[in-house]
Amino acid sequence: MEETDRNEQEIQNMSTVNTLYKSLVSGDTKIVPGLLATDLEWWFHGPQNCHHMMRMLTGEAKHTDFTFEPRSVTTIDDHNVIVEGYEGANVYWVHFWTLKDRLITRFREFFNTWLTVKELRVGHVGRAHDWVGKKSRSTVWRSQPRDLFRRSLPGLMLAI
C-alpha cells in the first residue's frame, strides 16, 4: 500500500472511530450498528463491573450510564486505532479498535490497566520472529494517564 493510501486509510479509520464516540455521547445510537461488523470480536481486561463500552454497543446501557470522553485518539497503522480516556484518579480506559473497509471488526477494552503496544515481526514460516527494530522502537504506543502516575495498575503488553 502506498504511503498516501495508507494515510488516507488511517484518516478514514480515525473518522469512523470518532463518529462512534460522538454518536454514543449524543445518544444517537442508530448509526452504531452500521459502524460495527456483525461478528465483532471483543476482548476485555479489567474489573468485571466495568464492561461499559460493550453494554453500550449492545444497547444494554444508556448513553448516560457512562460517558466515554476520549482524551487521545491515535492511529497505529492502516487498520488499528487506539483511544484513551481517564476521569480523575479512579477511572482509566484504553480502547483498541481494528477496522477493515471502514468497518470495526475487533474491539479490545482495557479498564484501569496500563497498556504497551509493541509491533511484532513475522518470519518466513509464519512464526513470530522478533520485535521490530530496537527494543525502544518496537513500542508503538504506551498508556499516558496523566492523572494516574502515582496509582498502581496492572500492566499488559499487546503485540500487533
C-alpha atoms as a PDB file:
ATOM      1  CA  MET A   1       0.000   0.000   0.000  1.00  0.00           C
ATOM      2  CA  GLU A   2       1.382   3.409  -0.950  1.00  0.00           C
ATOM      3  CA  GLU A   3       2.064   5.974   1.768  1.00  0.00           C
ATOM      4  CA  THR A   4      -0.739   8.337   0.600  1.00  0.00           C
ATOM      5  CA  ASP A   5      -3.244   5.451   0.512  1.00  0.00           C
ATOM      6  CA  ARG A   6      -2.116   4.386   3.990  1.00  0.00           C
ATOM      7  CA  ASN A   7      -2.519   7.936   5.347  1.00  0.00           C
ATOM      8  CA  GLU A   8      -5.977   8.209   3.773  1.00  0.00           C
ATOM      9  CA  GLN A   9      -6.967   4.856   5.302  1.00  0.00           C
ATOM     10  CA  GLU A  10      -5.744   5.999   8.733  1.00  0.00           C
ATOM     11  CA  ILE A  11      -7.778   9.225   8.434  1.00  0.00           C
ATOM     12  CA  GLN A  12     -10.901   7.258   7.429  1.00  0.00           C
ATOM     13  CA  ASN A  13     -10.444   4.826  10.329  1.00  0.00           C
ATOM     14  CA  MET A  14      -9.977   7.659  12.808  1.00  0.00           C
ATOM     15  CA  SER A  15     -13.111   9.315  11.420  1.00  0.00           C
ATOM     16  CA  THR A  16     -15.126   6.101  11.853  1.00  0.00           C
ATOM     17  CA  VAL A  17     -13.998   5.699  15.465  1.00  0.00           C
ATOM     18  CA  ASN A  18     -14.649   9.384  16.244  1.00  0.00           C
ATOM     19  CA  THR A  19     -18.140   9.039  14.728  1.00  0.00           C
ATOM     20  CA  LEU A  20     -18.794   6.081  17.031  1.00  0.00           C
ATOM     21  CA  TYR A  21     -17.860   8.027  20.180  1.00  0.00           C
ATOM     22  CA  LYS A  22     -19.815  11.123  19.137  1.00  0.00           C
ATOM     23  CA  SER A  23     -22.932   9.063  18.463  1.00  0.00           C
ATOM     24  CA  LEU A  24     -22.651   7.265  21.814  1.00  0.00           C
ATOM     25  CA  VAL A  25     -22.150  10.512  23.750  1.00  0.00           C
ATOM     26  CA  SER A  26     -25.081  12.233  21.999  1.00  0.00           C
ATOM     27  CA  GLY A  27     -27.358   9.204  22.337  1.00  0.00           C
ATOM     28  CA  ASP A  28     -27.773   8.956  18.538  1.00  0.00           C
ATOM     29  CA  THR A  29     -27.069   5.230  18.529  1.00  0.00           C
ATOM     30  CA  LYS A  30     -28.966   4.424  15.308  1.00  0.00           C
ATOM     31  CA  ILE A  31     -25.765   4.691  13.266  1.00  0.00           C
ATOM     32  CA  VAL A  32     -23.690   2.468  15.601  1.00  0.00           C
ATOM     33  CA  PRO A  33     -24.696  -0.897  14.027  1.00  0.00           C
ATOM     34  CA  GLY A  34     -23.526   0.417  10.638  1.00  0.00           C
ATOM     35  CA  LEU A  35     -20.040   1.024  12.054  1.00  0.00           C
ATOM     36  CA  LEU A  36     -19.621  -2.466  13.576  1.00  0.00           C
ATOM     37  CA  ALA A  37     -19.130  -5.847  11.930  1.00  0.00           C
ATOM     38  CA  THR A  38     -21.947  -8.262  12.761  1.00  0.00           C
ATOM     39  CA  ASP A  39     -19.314 -10.690  14.062  1.00  0.00           C
ATOM     40  CA  LEU A  40     -17.396  -8.093  16.088  1.00  0.00           C
ATOM     41  CA  GLU A  41     -14.572  -9.738  18.030  1.00  0.00           C
ATOM     42  CA  TRP A  42     -14.436  -8.331  21.554  1.00  0.00           C
ATOM     43  CA  TRP A  43     -11.908  -8.744  24.367  1.00  0.00           C
ATOM     44  CA  PHE A  44     -11.960  -7.121  27.815  1.00  0.00           C
ATOM     45  CA  HIS A  45      -9.400  -6.711  30.598  1.00  0.00           C
ATOM     46  CA  GLY A  46     -10.380  -5.081  33.870  1.00  0.00           C
ATOM     47  CA  PRO A  47     -12.840  -5.306  36.750  1.00  0.00           C
ATOM     48  CA  GLN A  48     -15.932  -7.327  35.791  1.00  0.00           C
ATOM     49  CA  ASN A  49     -18.299  -4.487  36.667  1.00  0.00           C
ATOM     50  CA  CYS A  50     -16.604  -2.183  34.115  1.00  0.00           C
ATOM     51  CA  HIS A  51     -17.818  -3.638  30.797  1.00  0.00           C
ATOM     52  CA  HIS A  52     -19.196  -0.195  29.983  1.00  0.00           C
ATOM     53  CA  MET A  53     -18.497   0.003  26.248  1.00  0.00           C
ATOM     54  CA  MET A  54     -19.836  -3.446  25.432  1.00  0.00           C
ATOM     55  CA  ARG A  55     -23.016  -2.661  27.376  1.00  0.00           C
ATOM     56  CA  MET A  56     -23.405   0.497  25.299  1.00  0.00           C
ATOM     57  CA  LEU A  57     -22.695  -1.252  21.998  1.00  0.00           C
ATOM     58  CA  THR A  58     -25.256  -3.972  22.715  1.00  0.00           C
ATOM     59  CA  GLY A  59     -27.882  -1.478  23.898  1.00  0.00           C
ATOM     60  CA  GLU A  60     -27.874  -2.873  27.438  1.00  0.00           C
ATOM     61  CA  ALA A  61     -26.802   0.518  28.858  1.00  0.00           C
ATOM     62  CA  LYS A  62     -27.970   4.055  28.084  1.00  0.00           C
ATOM     63  CA  HIS A  63     -25.515   6.622  26.765  1.00  0.00           C
ATOM     64  CA  THR A  64     -25.805   8.420  30.115  1.00  0.00           C
ATOM     65  CA  ASP A  65     -24.681   5.396  32.186  1.00  0.00           C
ATOM     66  CA  PHE A  66     -21.001   6.017  31.415  1.00  0.00           C
ATOM     67  CA  THR A  67     -19.527   8.851  29.370  1.00  0.00           C
ATOM     68  CA  PHE A  68     -16.628   7.866  27.146  1.00  0.00           C
ATOM     69  CA  GLU A  69     -14.795  11.129  26.590  1.00  0.00           C
ATOM     70  CA  PRO A  70     -11.648  10.371  24.583  1.00  0.00           C
ATOM     71  CA  ARG A  71      -8.521  12.236  25.705  1.00  0.00           C
ATOM     72  CA  SER A  72      -6.473  10.964  22.761  1.00  0.00           C
ATOM     73  CA  VAL A  73      -7.188   9.151  19.500  1.00  0.00           C
ATOM     74  CA  THR A  74      -4.151   7.663  17.744  1.00  0.00           C
ATOM     75  CA  THR A  75      -3.823   5.636  14.567  1.00  0.00           C
ATOM     76  CA  ILE A  76      -1.234   2.871  14.895  1.00  0.00           C
ATOM     77  CA  ASP A  77      -1.285   1.746  11.265  1.00  0.00           C
ATOM     78  CA  ASP A  78      -3.812   1.461   8.442  1.00  0.00           C
ATOM     79  CA  HIS A  79      -6.019  -0.938  10.468  1.00  0.00           C
ATOM     80  CA  ASN A  80      -5.735  -0.009  14.166  1.00  0.00           C
ATOM     81  CA  VAL A  81      -6.850   2.977  16.228  1.00  0.00           C
ATOM     82  CA  ILE A  82      -6.243   3.462  19.963  1.00  0.00           C
ATOM     83  CA  VAL A  83      -8.457   5.681  22.081  1.00  0.00           C
ATOM     84  CA  GLU A  84      -7.523   6.632  25.627  1.00  0.00           C
ATOM     85  CA  GLY A  85      -9.599   8.303  28.318  1.00  0.00           C
ATOM     86  CA  TYR A  86      -9.455   8.984  32.020  1.00  0.00           C
ATOM     87  CA  GLU A  87     -11.658  10.632  34.607  1.00  0.00           C
ATOM     88  CA  GLY A  88      -9.626  11.560  37.657  1.00  0.00           C
ATOM     89  CA  ALA A  89      -7.813   9.052  39.831  1.00  0.00           C
ATOM     90  CA  ASN A  90     -10.274   6.142  39.664  1.00  0.00           C
ATOM     91  CA  VAL A  91     -11.185   5.661  36.013  1.00  0.00           C
ATOM     92  CA  TYR A  92      -8.769   4.982  33.155  1.00  0.00           C
ATOM     93  CA  TRP A  93      -9.602   3.166  29.937  1.00  0.00           C
ATOM     94  CA  VAL A  94      -7.991   2.264  26.619  1.00  0.00           C
ATOM     95  CA  HIS A  95      -9.898   1.061  23.566  1.00  0.00           C
ATOM     96  CA  PHE A  96      -8.070  -0.689  20.737  1.00  0.00           C
ATOM     97  CA  TRP A  97     -10.162  -0.780  17.548  1.00  0.00           C
ATOM     98  CA  THR A  98      -9.320  -2.763  14.394  1.00  0.00           C
ATOM     99  CA  LEU A  99     -11.032  -1.751  11.165  1.00  0.00           C
ATOM    100  CA  LYS A 100     -11.360  -3.199   7.700  1.00  0.00           C
ATOM    101  CA  ASP A 101     -13.057  -1.255   4.896  1.00  0.00           C
ATOM    102  CA  ARG A 102     -14.256   1.417   7.385  1.00  0.00           C
ATOM    103  CA  LEU A 103     -15.992  -1.234   9.478  1.00  0.00           C
ATOM    104  CA  ILE A 104     -14.938  -2.028  13.050  1.00  0.00           C
ATOM    105  CA  THR A 105     -14.099  -5.740  13.175  1.00  0.00           C
ATOM    106  CA  ARG A 106     -12.312  -6.068  16.523  1.00  0.00           C
ATOM    107  CA  PHE A 107     -12.574  -4.251  19.839  1.00  0.00           C
ATOM    108  CA  ARG A 108     -10.291  -4.648  22.835  1.00  0.00           C
ATOM    109  CA  GLU A 109     -11.190  -2.796  26.018  1.00  0.00           C
ATOM    110  CA  PHE A 110      -8.740  -2.231  28.859  1.00  0.00           C
ATOM    111  CA  PHE A 111     -10.152  -0.690  32.022  1.00  0.00           C
ATOM    112  CA  ASN A 112      -7.820   0.556  34.782  1.00  0.00           C
ATOM    113  CA  THR A 113      -4.906  -1.182  33.035  1.00  0.00           C
ATOM    114  CA  TRP A 114      -1.584   0.214  31.794  1.00  0.00           C
ATOM    115  CA  LEU A 115      -1.089  -0.832  28.173  1.00  0.00           C
ATOM    116  CA  THR A 116       2.011  -1.065  25.994  1.00  0.00           C
ATOM    117  CA  VAL A 117       1.582  -1.923  22.310  1.00  0.00           C
ATOM    118  CA  LYS A 118       4.525  -3.490  20.510  1.00  0.00           C
ATOM    119  CA  GLU A 119       4.895  -4.433  16.877  1.00  0.00           C
ATOM    120  CA  LEU A 120       5.964  -8.000  16.205  1.00  0.00           C
ATOM    121  CA  ARG A 121       7.734  -9.077  13.009  1.00  0.00           C
ATOM    122  CA  VAL A 122       6.623 -12.361  11.489  1.00  0.00           C
ATOM    123  CA  GLY A 123       9.288 -14.664   9.984  1.00  0.00           C
ATOM    124  CA  HIS A 124       9.124 -16.706   6.764  1.00  0.00           C
ATOM    125  CA  VAL A 125       7.268 -19.664   8.254  1.00  0.00           C
ATOM    126  CA  GLY A 126       4.614 -17.559   9.974  1.00  0.00           C
ATOM    127  CA  ARG A 127       6.265 -17.769  13.391  1.00  0.00           C
ATOM    128  CA  ALA A 128       6.957 -14.731  15.491  1.00  0.00           C
ATOM    129  CA  HIS A 129      10.498 -13.755  14.562  1.00  0.00           C
ATOM    130  CA  ASP A 130      11.440 -10.821  16.742  1.00  0.00           C
ATOM    131  CA  TRP A 131      10.299  -7.447  17.972  1.00  0.00           C
ATOM    132  CA  VAL A 132      10.605  -4.949  15.131  1.00  0.00           C
ATOM    133  CA  GLY A 133      13.678  -2.731  15.331  1.00  0.00           C
ATOM    134  CA  LYS A 134      15.496  -1.988  18.529  1.00  0.00           C
ATOM    135  CA  LYS A 135      13.728  -2.553  21.811  1.00  0.00           C
ATOM    136  CA  SER A 136      12.676   1.080  22.243  1.00  0.00           C
ATOM    137  CA  ARG A 137      11.463   1.413  18.638  1.00  0.00           C
ATOM    138  CA  SER A 138       9.275  -1.685  18.787  1.00  0.00           C
ATOM    139  CA  THR A 139       6.937   0.106  21.182  1.00  0.00           C
ATOM    140  CA  VAL A 140       4.342   1.815  19.005  1.00  0.00           C
ATOM    141  CA  TRP A 141       2.109   3.105  21.808  1.00  0.00           C
ATOM    142  CA  ARG A 142       2.143   3.365  25.608  1.00  0.00           C
ATOM    143  CA  SER A 143      -0.509   4.440  28.136  1.00  0.00           C
ATOM    144  CA  GLN A 144      -0.361   8.107  29.119  1.00  0.00           C
ATOM    145  CA  PRO A 145      -2.856   8.505  32.000  1.00  0.00           C
ATOM    146  CA  ARG A 146      -1.717  11.908  33.236  1.00  0.00           C
ATOM    147  CA  ASP A 147      -3.790  11.825  36.438  1.00  0.00           C
ATOM    148  CA  LEU A 148      -2.756   8.298  37.449  1.00  0.00           C
ATOM    149  CA  PHE A 149       1.042   8.290  37.552  1.00  0.00           C
ATOM    150  CA  ARG A 150       1.123   7.571  41.295  1.00  0.00           C
ATOM    151  CA  ARG A 151      -1.500   4.837  41.106  1.00  0.00           C
ATOM    152  CA  SER A 152      -0.658   1.158  40.813  1.00  0.00           C
ATOM    153  CA  LEU A 153      -2.441  -0.530  37.901  1.00  0.00           C
ATOM    154  CA  PRO A 154      -1.909  -3.924  36.266  1.00  0.00           C
ATOM    155  CA  GLY A 155       0.076  -3.724  33.045  1.00  0.00           C
ATOM    156  CA  LEU A 156      -0.343  -5.613  29.790  1.00  0.00           C
ATOM    157  CA  MET A 157       1.596  -5.789  26.554  1.00  0.00           C
ATOM    158  CA  LEU A 158      -0.333  -6.122  23.317  1.00  0.00           C
ATOM    159  CA  ALA A 159       1.615  -7.494  20.349  1.00  0.00           C
ATOM    160  CA  ILE A 160       0.394  -6.458  16.917  1.00  0.00           C
END
